[in-house]
Amino acid sequence: MGHSQQKVCQQDSCQIMYMKERLTHFTKGSRSTIDYLHGIKSMVDELAIINAPLGDVDLVIHTLNALGVKYKEVSIALLPR
């Protein structure tokens, strides 16, 4: 692999790590449910564009974990046992 290809790979890796970090810390907070879900979808779409798609199970886990205590019962009911 040439120097320029290594640099691109390093940039891609950094971008993937950055996007996954953003997704991990993204919470519903005071956003409406629709805005929260749009934010999650936007980040998941960005990961897919950079060839790092998020699996369905990971998507569900990230989405439910960040909803907060108000939605805890729903989260518990939907998570695999």
Protein backbone atom coordinates (compact mmCIF):
# COMPACT_ATOMS: atom_id res chain seq x y z
CA MET A 1 0.00 0.00 0.00
CA GLY A 2 1.43 3.37 -1.01
CA HIS A 3 1.78 6.39 1.26
CA SER A 4 -1.27 8.15 -0.19
CA GLN A 5 -3.40 5.01 0.20
CA GLN A 6 -2.27 4.63 3.83
CA LYS A 7 -3.16 8.26 4.50
CA VAL A 8 -6.65 7.75 3.03
CA CYS A 9 -7.13 4.61 5.16
CA GLN A 10 -6.03 6.50 8.27
CA GLN A 11 -8.44 9.33 7.45
CA ASP A 12 -11.25 6.83 6.85
CA SER A 13 -10.50 5.10 10.16
CA CYS A 14 -10.52 8.43 11.98
CA GLN A 15 -13.80 9.40 10.36
CA ILE A 16 -15.37 6.06 11.27
CA MET A 17 -14.18 6.37 14.87
CA TYR A 18 -15.46 9.97 15.04
CA MET A 19 -18.91 9.00 13.69
CA LYS A 20 -19.22 6.01 16.02
CA GLU A 21 -18.20 8.18 18.97
CA ARG A 22 -20.86 10.75 17.99
CA LEU A 23 -23.45 8.00 17.76
CA THR A 24 -22.46 6.60 21.15
CA HIS A 25 -22.91 9.97 22.86
CA PHE A 26 -26.01 11.08 20.94
CA THR A 27 -29.04 11.08 23.23
CA LYS A 28 -32.65 12.09 22.89
CA GLY A 29 -32.35 14.70 25.62
CA SER A 30 -34.93 17.42 25.00
CA ARG A 31 -35.26 16.64 21.27
CA SER A 32 -38.57 15.42 19.96
CA THR A 33 -38.64 11.70 19.23
CA ILE A 34 -38.77 12.46 15.50
CA ASP A 35 -35.72 14.75 15.68
CA TYR A 36 -33.86 12.16 17.75
CA LEU A 37 -34.60 9.38 15.24
CA HIS A 38 -33.65 11.64 12.31
CA GLY A 39 -30.33 12.37 14.04
CA ILE A 40 -29.65 8.65 14.52
CA LYS A 41 -30.58 7.94 10.89
CA SER A 42 -28.32 10.72 9.65
CA MET A 43 -25.32 9.30 11.53
CA VAL A 44 -26.08 5.73 10.43
CA ASP A 45 -26.37 6.92 6.81
CA GLU A 46 -23.02 8.72 7.10
CA LEU A 47 -21.40 5.52 8.39
CA ALA A 48 -22.84 3.58 5.46
CA ILE A 49 -21.50 6.17 3.00
CA ILE A 50 -17.97 5.74 4.36
CA ASN A 51 -18.32 1.96 4.06
CA ALA A 52 -18.82 1.27 7.77
CA PRO A 53 -22.51 0.34 8.00
CA LEU A 54 -23.99 -0.28 11.41
CA GLY A 55 -25.67 -3.66 11.85
CA ASP A 56 -29.36 -3.85 12.71
CA VAL A 57 -28.76 -5.13 16.25
CA ASP A 58 -26.21 -2.39 16.97
CA LEU A 59 -28.61 0.21 15.57
CA VAL A 60 -31.42 -0.95 17.85
CA ILE A 61 -29.11 -1.05 20.90
CA HIS A 62 -27.73 2.45 20.25
CA THR A 63 -31.19 3.85 19.60
CA LEU A 64 -32.81 2.34 22.69
CA ASN A 65 -29.94 2.98 25.10
CA ALA A 66 -29.94 6.68 24.38
CA LEU A 67 -33.67 7.24 24.89
CA GLY A 68 -33.41 7.79 28.63
CA VAL A 69 -35.38 6.64 31.64
CA LYS A 70 -38.72 7.83 30.30
CA TYR A 71 -38.53 5.09 27.67
CA LYS A 72 -36.85 2.42 29.84
CA GLU A 73 -39.85 0.06 29.83
CA VAL A 74 -40.02 0.15 26.03
CA SER A 75 -36.27 -0.43 25.79
CA ILE A 76 -36.41 -3.42 28.13
CA ALA A 77 -39.31 -4.95 26.20
CA LEU A 78 -37.54 -4.58 22.84
CA LEU A 79 -34.01 -5.70 23.75
CA PRO A 80 -33.18 -9.35 23.13
CA ARG A 81 -33.13 -11.60 26.17
